[in-house]
Amino acid sequence: MCEPATSPSADPTFTAWLYDTHDAVPPALRLGRSGAAVGTAHGRAGGGRGHRGADGIKPSTLNVTLPAANLKAGDNTVTITTTNGSWMVCDAFGVRQLPWPEPAIGQRPSG
């Protein structure tokens, strides 16, 4: 849930910090709010080893713009659906206003 006190005036960004993804068939995602699709993202090929441990992983970041017109003051539920491809190992999800400094690999996002 993202809970802005007021409706955003600029388009925020949904970010997924991925630990790793499938090396041959990375995932494609669709984001929604209240049943309506609001954006898509295609992951890049990862190391294909994230489900086994840290050796050979390729962390990545996916950003999807969330149209401010689709968000309201108060509670908003954002849905994430894999539409194609294979697995991903997620480290964190967030909704933020870009530009925002990217955390170094191994560091937790602060936003």
Protein backbone atom coordinates (compact mmCIF):
# COMPACT_ATOMS: atom_id res chain seq x y z
CA MET A 1 0.00 0.00 0.00
CA CYS A 2 1.19 3.51 -0.68
CA GLU A 3 -0.55 6.12 1.39
CA PRO A 4 0.06 9.69 0.22
CA ALA A 5 -1.60 12.37 2.37
CA THR A 6 -2.64 14.17 -0.81
CA SER A 7 -2.87 13.16 -4.44
CA PRO A 8 0.57 13.47 -6.09
CA SER A 9 1.00 16.43 -8.43
CA ALA A 10 3.75 14.70 -10.43
CA ASP A 11 3.94 11.09 -11.63
CA PRO A 12 5.67 8.92 -9.01
CA THR A 13 7.73 5.89 -9.97
CA PHE A 14 7.27 2.30 -8.81
CA THR A 15 10.71 0.71 -8.38
CA ALA A 16 11.55 -2.97 -8.00
CA TRP A 17 15.07 -3.72 -6.81
CA LEU A 18 15.76 -7.22 -8.11
CA TYR A 19 18.39 -9.52 -6.66
CA ASP A 20 18.45 -11.61 -9.85
CA THR A 21 16.28 -12.80 -12.75
CA HIS A 22 16.21 -15.76 -15.11
CA ASP A 23 19.19 -15.65 -17.47
CA ALA A 24 17.33 -16.63 -20.67
CA VAL A 25 13.69 -15.64 -20.10
CA PRO A 26 13.51 -12.61 -17.78
CA PRO A 27 10.08 -11.55 -16.53
CA ALA A 28 7.73 -8.95 -17.97
CA LEU A 29 5.53 -7.17 -15.41
CA ARG A 30 2.25 -5.29 -15.49
CA LEU A 31 1.39 -2.87 -12.71
CA GLY A 32 -2.17 -2.03 -11.86
CA ARG A 33 -4.21 0.09 -9.51
CA SER A 34 -7.83 -0.73 -8.70
CA GLY A 35 -7.93 -3.32 -11.48
CA ALA A 36 -6.68 -0.95 -14.21
CA ALA A 37 -3.28 -1.44 -15.84
CA VAL A 38 -1.06 1.60 -15.24
CA GLY A 39 2.33 0.50 -16.61
CA THR A 40 4.58 -2.29 -17.81
CA ALA A 41 8.25 -3.20 -17.44
CA HIS A 42 10.51 -5.81 -18.99
CA GLY A 43 13.31 -7.22 -16.86
CA ARG A 44 16.75 -7.74 -18.29
CA ALA A 45 18.44 -11.12 -18.31
CA GLY A 46 20.01 -11.86 -14.96
CA GLY A 47 22.62 -14.31 -13.81
CA GLY A 48 20.08 -17.10 -13.47
CA ARG A 49 21.45 -18.15 -10.09
CA GLY A 50 19.64 -15.94 -7.57
CA HIS A 51 17.43 -18.76 -6.36
CA ARG A 52 20.56 -20.73 -5.41
CA GLY A 53 22.64 -18.11 -3.60
CA ALA A 54 24.89 -15.13 -4.28
CA ASP A 55 27.38 -16.55 -6.78
CA GLY A 56 26.78 -15.37 -10.34
CA ILE A 57 23.82 -13.07 -9.66
CA LYS A 58 23.09 -9.89 -11.66
CA PRO A 59 21.09 -7.38 -9.58
CA SER A 60 18.93 -4.91 -11.52
CA THR A 61 16.31 -2.23 -11.06
CA LEU A 62 12.94 -1.85 -12.80
CA ASN A 63 11.18 1.52 -12.86
CA VAL A 64 7.58 2.07 -13.95
CA THR A 65 5.95 5.50 -13.98
CA LEU A 66 2.62 5.54 -12.15
CA PRO A 67 0.36 8.22 -13.64
CA ALA A 68 -0.58 10.65 -10.86
CA ALA A 69 -4.11 10.76 -12.28
CA ASN A 70 -4.51 7.08 -11.29
CA LEU A 71 -3.57 7.71 -7.64
CA LYS A 72 -5.69 9.25 -4.93
CA ALA A 73 -5.09 10.70 -1.49
CA GLY A 74 -5.12 7.94 1.13
CA ASP A 75 -4.70 4.22 0.51
CA ASN A 76 -3.69 2.96 -2.94
CA THR A 77 -3.12 -0.70 -3.76
CA VAL A 78 -0.65 -1.42 -6.53
CA THR A 79 -0.76 -4.90 -8.08
CA ILE A 80 2.21 -6.58 -9.74
CA THR A 81 1.51 -9.30 -12.31
CA THR A 82 4.08 -11.33 -14.23
CA THR A 83 2.77 -11.39 -17.81
CA ASN A 84 5.59 -13.24 -19.53
CA GLY A 85 8.98 -14.77 -18.86
CA SER A 86 10.22 -16.63 -15.85
CA TRP A 87 11.22 -15.93 -12.25
CA MET A 88 12.72 -12.96 -10.44
CA VAL A 89 14.11 -12.70 -6.93
CA CYS A 90 12.96 -9.40 -5.38
CA ASP A 91 14.92 -7.49 -2.79
CA ALA A 92 12.58 -4.50 -2.32
CA PHE A 93 9.70 -2.54 -3.85
CA GLY A 94 9.01 1.16 -3.45
CA VAL A 95 7.05 4.11 -4.77
CA ARG A 96 9.15 7.26 -4.98
CA GLN A 97 9.50 10.55 -6.74
CA LEU A 98 12.45 10.55 -9.15
CA PRO A 99 15.14 11.72 -9.42
CA TRP A 100 16.24 9.79 -6.35
CA PRO A 101 19.73 8.48 -5.69
CA GLU A 102 20.08 4.78 -6.45
CA PRO A 103 21.41 2.74 -3.50
CA ALA A 104 24.68 0.91 -4.00
CA ILE A 105 24.35 -2.83 -4.56
CA GLY A 106 23.99 -4.48 -1.16
CA GLN A 107 22.55 -1.32 0.41
CA ARG A 108 18.88 -0.96 1.32
CA PRO A 109 16.89 1.77 -0.41
CA SER A 110 16.13 4.63 1.97
CA GLY A 111 12.94 5.95 0.30
